[in-house]
Amino acid sequence: MVDKTAFRDAMAGLGAAVNIITTDGPAGRAGCTASAVCGVTDEPPMLLVCIHRASRNNAAFRANGRLCVNVLSAEQRDVAVRFATKGMSIDARFAGQSWDTLATGAPALHGAVTSLDCEVASVTEVGTHTVFFCTIQAVRTQRERDGLIYFGRDFHRVGPATLAAAQ
């Protein structure tokens, strides 16, 4: 069995998009930064999101039954940090950004590369995390923006503008 430290060190070499996962509804507004998000199927359009069971956001995602995966642009690094800061109030996390809603009522971030508005279809517990399988109800995409990835325990800009500048 691989120990926790070795696993985390190995995962630092697996680059992933930086996302803000948001919800709103009867259980209230919630949101957190997550990189454990991936597509599952395109028919029906579905993705999965992994959230630590101990996260204060987990219960709200479950109870509201809807969430929005906001894929951050390179310019939104500060938003990623704010939503990852433990102890910060939910109002402080959402402050200073422009938000609206798409189909489900979950907050969609203006300026995100993509916002994937979802209904939670099923939930599975795996180890320390809850895996939310989500059916996509609406999509908003702004492809002209560079993206933000997390790699090597730090944030990095990726996309067409970054590639053009490197050539």
C-alpha atoms as a PDB file:
ATOM      1  CA  MET A   1       0.000   0.000   0.000  1.00  0.00           C
ATOM      2  CA  VAL A   2       1.324   3.441  -0.940  1.00  0.00           C
ATOM      3  CA  ASP A   3       1.401   5.889   1.970  1.00  0.00           C
ATOM      4  CA  LYS A   4      -0.411   9.222   1.940  1.00  0.00           C
ATOM      5  CA  THR A   5       2.733  11.338   1.459  1.00  0.00           C
ATOM      6  CA  ALA A   6       3.979   9.290  -1.505  1.00  0.00           C
ATOM      7  CA  PHE A   7       0.527   9.487  -3.100  1.00  0.00           C
ATOM      8  CA  ARG A   8       0.345  13.261  -2.664  1.00  0.00           C
ATOM      9  CA  ASP A   9       3.844  13.685  -4.077  1.00  0.00           C
ATOM     10  CA  ALA A  10       2.872  11.613  -7.115  1.00  0.00           C
ATOM     11  CA  MET A  11      -0.366  13.579  -7.610  1.00  0.00           C
ATOM     12  CA  ALA A  12       1.628  16.844  -7.644  1.00  0.00           C
ATOM     13  CA  GLY A  13       2.817  15.714 -11.073  1.00  0.00           C
ATOM     14  CA  LEU A  14      -0.728  15.366 -12.395  1.00  0.00           C
ATOM     15  CA  GLY A  15      -1.789  18.756 -13.744  1.00  0.00           C
ATOM     16  CA  ALA A  16      -5.471  19.616 -13.442  1.00  0.00           C
ATOM     17  CA  ALA A  17      -7.787  22.501 -14.202  1.00  0.00           C
ATOM     18  CA  VAL A  18      -8.588  24.733 -11.233  1.00  0.00           C
ATOM     19  CA  ASN A  19     -12.315  24.975 -10.551  1.00  0.00           C
ATOM     20  CA  ILE A  20     -14.618  26.774  -8.170  1.00  0.00           C
ATOM     21  CA  ILE A  21     -17.536  24.513  -7.277  1.00  0.00           C
ATOM     22  CA  THR A  22     -20.600  26.505  -6.182  1.00  0.00           C
ATOM     23  CA  THR A  23     -24.156  25.844  -5.048  1.00  0.00           C
ATOM     24  CA  ASP A  24     -27.175  27.716  -3.750  1.00  0.00           C
ATOM     25  CA  GLY A  25     -30.572  26.553  -2.594  1.00  0.00           C
ATOM     26  CA  PRO A  26     -32.452  25.513   0.559  1.00  0.00           C
ATOM     27  CA  ALA A  27     -29.180  24.537   2.303  1.00  0.00           C
ATOM     28  CA  GLY A  28     -27.645  27.922   1.463  1.00  0.00           C
ATOM     29  CA  ARG A  29     -24.821  29.165  -0.682  1.00  0.00           C
ATOM     30  CA  ALA A  30     -21.487  27.340  -0.617  1.00  0.00           C
ATOM     31  CA  GLY A  31     -18.325  27.084  -2.679  1.00  0.00           C
ATOM     32  CA  CYS A  32     -14.810  25.697  -2.704  1.00  0.00           C
ATOM     33  CA  THR A  33     -11.767  25.268  -4.932  1.00  0.00           C
ATOM     34  CA  ALA A  34     -11.347  21.810  -6.467  1.00  0.00           C
ATOM     35  CA  SER A  35      -9.156  20.149  -9.066  1.00  0.00           C
ATOM     36  CA  ALA A  36     -10.692  16.655  -8.772  1.00  0.00           C
ATOM     37  CA  VAL A  37     -13.208  17.149 -11.585  1.00  0.00           C
ATOM     38  CA  CYS A  38     -13.490  15.188 -14.813  1.00  0.00           C
ATOM     39  CA  GLY A  39     -15.885  14.335 -17.592  1.00  0.00           C
ATOM     40  CA  VAL A  40     -17.659  10.993 -17.340  1.00  0.00           C
ATOM     41  CA  THR A  41     -19.813  10.714 -20.475  1.00  0.00           C
ATOM     42  CA  ASP A  42     -21.198  12.915 -23.238  1.00  0.00           C
ATOM     43  CA  GLU A  43     -24.482  10.998 -23.530  1.00  0.00           C
ATOM     44  CA  PRO A  44     -25.920  12.089 -21.214  1.00  0.00           C
ATOM     45  CA  PRO A  45     -23.479  14.963 -20.547  1.00  0.00           C
ATOM     46  CA  MET A  46     -22.081  14.122 -17.108  1.00  0.00           C
ATOM     47  CA  LEU A  47     -19.067  14.931 -14.966  1.00  0.00           C
ATOM     48  CA  LEU A  48     -17.824  13.999 -11.532  1.00  0.00           C
ATOM     49  CA  VAL A  49     -16.602  16.184  -8.694  1.00  0.00           C
ATOM     50  CA  CYS A  50     -14.723  14.895  -5.639  1.00  0.00           C
ATOM     51  CA  ILE A  51     -15.131  16.833  -2.374  1.00  0.00           C
ATOM     52  CA  HIS A  52     -13.563  15.919   0.971  1.00  0.00           C
ATOM     53  CA  ARG A  53     -16.189  14.600   3.393  1.00  0.00           C
ATOM     54  CA  ALA A  54     -14.962  16.994   6.103  1.00  0.00           C
ATOM     55  CA  SER A  55     -15.488  20.053   3.870  1.00  0.00           C
ATOM     56  CA  ARG A  56     -18.209  22.345   5.185  1.00  0.00           C
ATOM     57  CA  ASN A  57     -19.405  22.606   1.567  1.00  0.00           C
ATOM     58  CA  ASN A  58     -20.111  18.892   1.198  1.00  0.00           C
ATOM     59  CA  ALA A  59     -23.450  18.969   3.031  1.00  0.00           C
ATOM     60  CA  ALA A  60     -24.685  21.960   1.022  1.00  0.00           C
ATOM     61  CA  PHE A  61     -23.809  20.285  -2.308  1.00  0.00           C
ATOM     62  CA  ARG A  62     -25.737  17.201  -1.195  1.00  0.00           C
ATOM     63  CA  ALA A  63     -28.761  19.012   0.198  1.00  0.00           C
ATOM     64  CA  ASN A  64     -29.129  21.497  -2.666  1.00  0.00           C
ATOM     65  CA  GLY A  65     -28.704  18.771  -5.276  1.00  0.00           C
ATOM     66  CA  ARG A  66     -27.160  21.194  -7.752  1.00  0.00           C
ATOM     67  CA  LEU A  67     -23.784  22.736  -8.369  1.00  0.00           C
ATOM     68  CA  CYS A  68     -21.829  24.720 -10.916  1.00  0.00           C
ATOM     69  CA  VAL A  69     -18.281  23.826 -11.932  1.00  0.00           C
ATOM     70  CA  ASN A  70     -16.583  27.127 -12.807  1.00  0.00           C
ATOM     71  CA  VAL A  71     -13.329  26.410 -14.684  1.00  0.00           C
ATOM     72  CA  LEU A  72     -11.058  29.333 -13.813  1.00  0.00           C
ATOM     73  CA  SER A  73      -9.232  31.553 -16.244  1.00  0.00           C
ATOM     74  CA  ALA A  74      -5.570  32.398 -15.647  1.00  0.00           C
ATOM     75  CA  GLU A  75      -6.611  35.829 -14.341  1.00  0.00           C
ATOM     76  CA  GLN A  76      -8.693  34.252 -11.552  1.00  0.00           C
ATOM     77  CA  ARG A  77      -5.888  32.829  -9.403  1.00  0.00           C
ATOM     78  CA  ASP A  78      -6.944  35.073  -6.502  1.00  0.00           C
ATOM     79  CA  VAL A  79     -10.452  33.576  -6.641  1.00  0.00           C
ATOM     80  CA  ALA A  80      -8.969  30.072  -6.369  1.00  0.00           C
ATOM     81  CA  VAL A  81      -6.970  31.097  -3.313  1.00  0.00           C
ATOM     82  CA  ARG A  82      -9.942  32.813  -1.677  1.00  0.00           C
ATOM     83  CA  PHE A  83     -12.230  29.792  -2.122  1.00  0.00           C
ATOM     84  CA  ALA A  84      -9.488  27.483  -0.776  1.00  0.00           C
ATOM     85  CA  THR A  85      -8.851  29.564   2.364  1.00  0.00           C
ATOM     86  CA  LYS A  86     -10.063  27.712   5.457  1.00  0.00           C
ATOM     87  CA  GLY A  87     -12.128  29.749   7.876  1.00  0.00           C
ATOM     88  CA  MET A  88     -13.096  32.429   5.339  1.00  0.00           C
ATOM     89  CA  SER A  89     -16.817  33.228   5.412  1.00  0.00           C
ATOM     90  CA  ILE A  90     -18.924  32.291   2.417  1.00  0.00           C
ATOM     91  CA  ASP A  91     -19.804  35.967   1.869  1.00  0.00           C
ATOM     92  CA  ALA A  92     -16.095  36.872   1.741  1.00  0.00           C
ATOM     93  CA  ARG A  93     -15.449  34.068  -0.750  1.00  0.00           C
ATOM     94  CA  PHE A  94     -18.105  35.328  -3.160  1.00  0.00           C
ATOM     95  CA  ALA A  95     -17.275  39.044  -2.695  1.00  0.00           C
ATOM     96  CA  GLY A  96     -15.533  41.036  -5.391  1.00  0.00           C
ATOM     97  CA  GLN A  97     -16.629  38.819  -8.298  1.00  0.00           C
ATOM     98  CA  SER A  98     -19.544  39.005 -10.704  1.00  0.00           C
ATOM     99  CA  TRP A  99     -21.942  36.057 -10.473  1.00  0.00           C
ATOM    100  CA  ASP A 100     -25.185  35.043 -12.140  1.00  0.00           C
ATOM    101  CA  THR A 101     -27.053  31.760 -12.642  1.00  0.00           C
ATOM    102  CA  LEU A 102     -27.686  29.486 -15.593  1.00  0.00           C
ATOM    103  CA  ALA A 103     -30.342  26.705 -15.389  1.00  0.00           C
ATOM    104  CA  THR A 104     -30.186  25.324 -11.825  1.00  0.00           C
ATOM    105  CA  GLY A 105     -29.691  28.441  -9.723  1.00  0.00           C
ATOM    106  CA  ALA A 106     -26.115  27.564  -8.708  1.00  0.00           C
ATOM    107  CA  PRO A 107     -23.757  30.587  -8.945  1.00  0.00           C
ATOM    108  CA  ALA A 108     -21.903  30.868 -12.273  1.00  0.00           C
ATOM    109  CA  LEU A 109     -18.735  32.989 -12.277  1.00  0.00           C
ATOM    110  CA  HIS A 110     -18.321  35.689 -14.919  1.00  0.00           C
ATOM    111  CA  GLY A 111     -14.942  35.475 -16.640  1.00  0.00           C
ATOM    112  CA  ALA A 112     -14.560  31.730 -16.110  1.00  0.00           C
ATOM    113  CA  VAL A 113     -13.282  29.735 -19.093  1.00  0.00           C
ATOM    114  CA  THR A 114     -16.331  27.503 -18.715  1.00  0.00           C
ATOM    115  CA  SER A 115     -19.246  27.200 -16.309  1.00  0.00           C
ATOM    116  CA  LEU A 116     -20.923  23.783 -16.198  1.00  0.00           C
ATOM    117  CA  ASP A 117     -24.272  24.018 -14.409  1.00  0.00           C
ATOM    118  CA  CYS A 118     -25.341  20.635 -13.033  1.00  0.00           C
ATOM    119  CA  GLU A 119     -27.891  18.628 -11.118  1.00  0.00           C
ATOM    120  CA  VAL A 120     -26.450  15.979  -8.799  1.00  0.00           C
ATOM    121  CA  ALA A 121     -27.501  12.605 -10.219  1.00  0.00           C
ATOM    122  CA  SER A 122     -25.849  10.339  -7.635  1.00  0.00           C
ATOM    123  CA  VAL A 123     -23.387  10.387  -4.768  1.00  0.00           C
ATOM    124  CA  THR A 124     -20.795   7.767  -3.803  1.00  0.00           C
ATOM    125  CA  GLU A 125     -18.483   7.704  -0.798  1.00  0.00           C
ATOM    126  CA  VAL A 126     -14.884   6.663  -1.540  1.00  0.00           C
ATOM    127  CA  GLY A 127     -12.312   6.840   1.242  1.00  0.00           C
ATOM    128  CA  THR A 128     -12.092  10.403   2.578  1.00  0.00           C
ATOM    129  CA  HIS A 129     -14.128  11.897  -0.290  1.00  0.00           C
ATOM    130  CA  THR A 130     -17.621  12.123  -1.687  1.00  0.00           C
ATOM    131  CA  VAL A 131     -17.885  11.660  -5.444  1.00  0.00           C
ATOM    132  CA  PHE A 132     -20.743  13.664  -6.944  1.00  0.00           C
ATOM    133  CA  PHE A 133     -21.904  12.426 -10.352  1.00  0.00           C
ATOM    134  CA  CYS A 134     -23.553  15.406 -12.014  1.00  0.00           C
ATOM    135  CA  THR A 135     -25.745  15.758 -15.096  1.00  0.00           C
ATOM    136  CA  ILE A 136     -24.920  18.947 -16.986  1.00  0.00           C
ATOM    137  CA  GLN A 137     -27.960  21.183 -17.525  1.00  0.00           C
ATOM    138  CA  ALA A 138     -26.316  24.261 -19.075  1.00  0.00           C
ATOM    139  CA  VAL A 139     -22.891  25.373 -20.292  1.00  0.00           C
ATOM    140  CA  ARG A 140     -21.302  28.793 -20.787  1.00  0.00           C
ATOM    141  CA  THR A 141     -17.886  28.905 -22.462  1.00  0.00           C
ATOM    142  CA  GLN A 142     -15.428  31.739 -23.178  1.00  0.00           C
ATOM    143  CA  ARG A 143     -12.672  30.002 -25.125  1.00  0.00           C
ATOM    144  CA  GLU A 144     -10.583  33.095 -25.797  1.00  0.00           C
ATOM    145  CA  ARG A 145      -9.259  33.002 -22.227  1.00  0.00           C
ATOM    146  CA  ASP A 146      -6.160  31.194 -20.969  1.00  0.00           C
ATOM    147  CA  GLY A 147      -6.856  28.586 -18.314  1.00  0.00           C
ATOM    148  CA  LEU A 148      -5.440  27.981 -14.850  1.00  0.00           C
ATOM    149  CA  ILE A 149      -3.985  24.620 -13.862  1.00  0.00           C
ATOM    150  CA  TYR A 150      -2.562  23.286 -10.614  1.00  0.00           C
ATOM    151  CA  PHE A 151       0.708  21.415 -11.124  1.00  0.00           C
ATOM    152  CA  GLY A 152       3.685  20.851  -8.843  1.00  0.00           C
ATOM    153  CA  ARG A 153       1.752  22.393  -5.922  1.00  0.00           C
ATOM    154  CA  ASP A 154       1.410  25.745  -7.700  1.00  0.00           C
ATOM    155  CA  PHE A 155      -0.841  27.541 -10.185  1.00  0.00           C
ATOM    156  CA  HIS A 156       0.170  27.905 -13.850  1.00  0.00           C
ATOM    157  CA  ARG A 157      -1.293  29.655 -16.901  1.00  0.00           C
ATOM    158  CA  VAL A 158      -2.073  27.476 -19.952  1.00  0.00           C
ATOM    159  CA  GLY A 159      -3.697  28.159 -23.278  1.00  0.00           C
ATOM    160  CA  PRO A 160      -3.258  29.653 -26.735  1.00  0.00           C
ATOM    161  CA  ALA A 161      -1.920  33.028 -25.559  1.00  0.00           C
ATOM    162  CA  THR A 162       0.675  31.337 -23.342  1.00  0.00           C
ATOM    163  CA  LEU A 163       1.777  29.017 -26.155  1.00  0.00           C
ATOM    164  CA  ALA A 164       2.067  31.906 -28.625  1.00  0.00           C
ATOM    165  CA  ALA A 165       4.210  33.909 -26.185  1.00  0.00           C
ATOM    166  CA  ALA A 166       6.531  30.926 -25.667  1.00  0.00           C
ATOM    167  CA  GLN A 167       7.233  30.466 -29.390  1.00  0.00           C
END
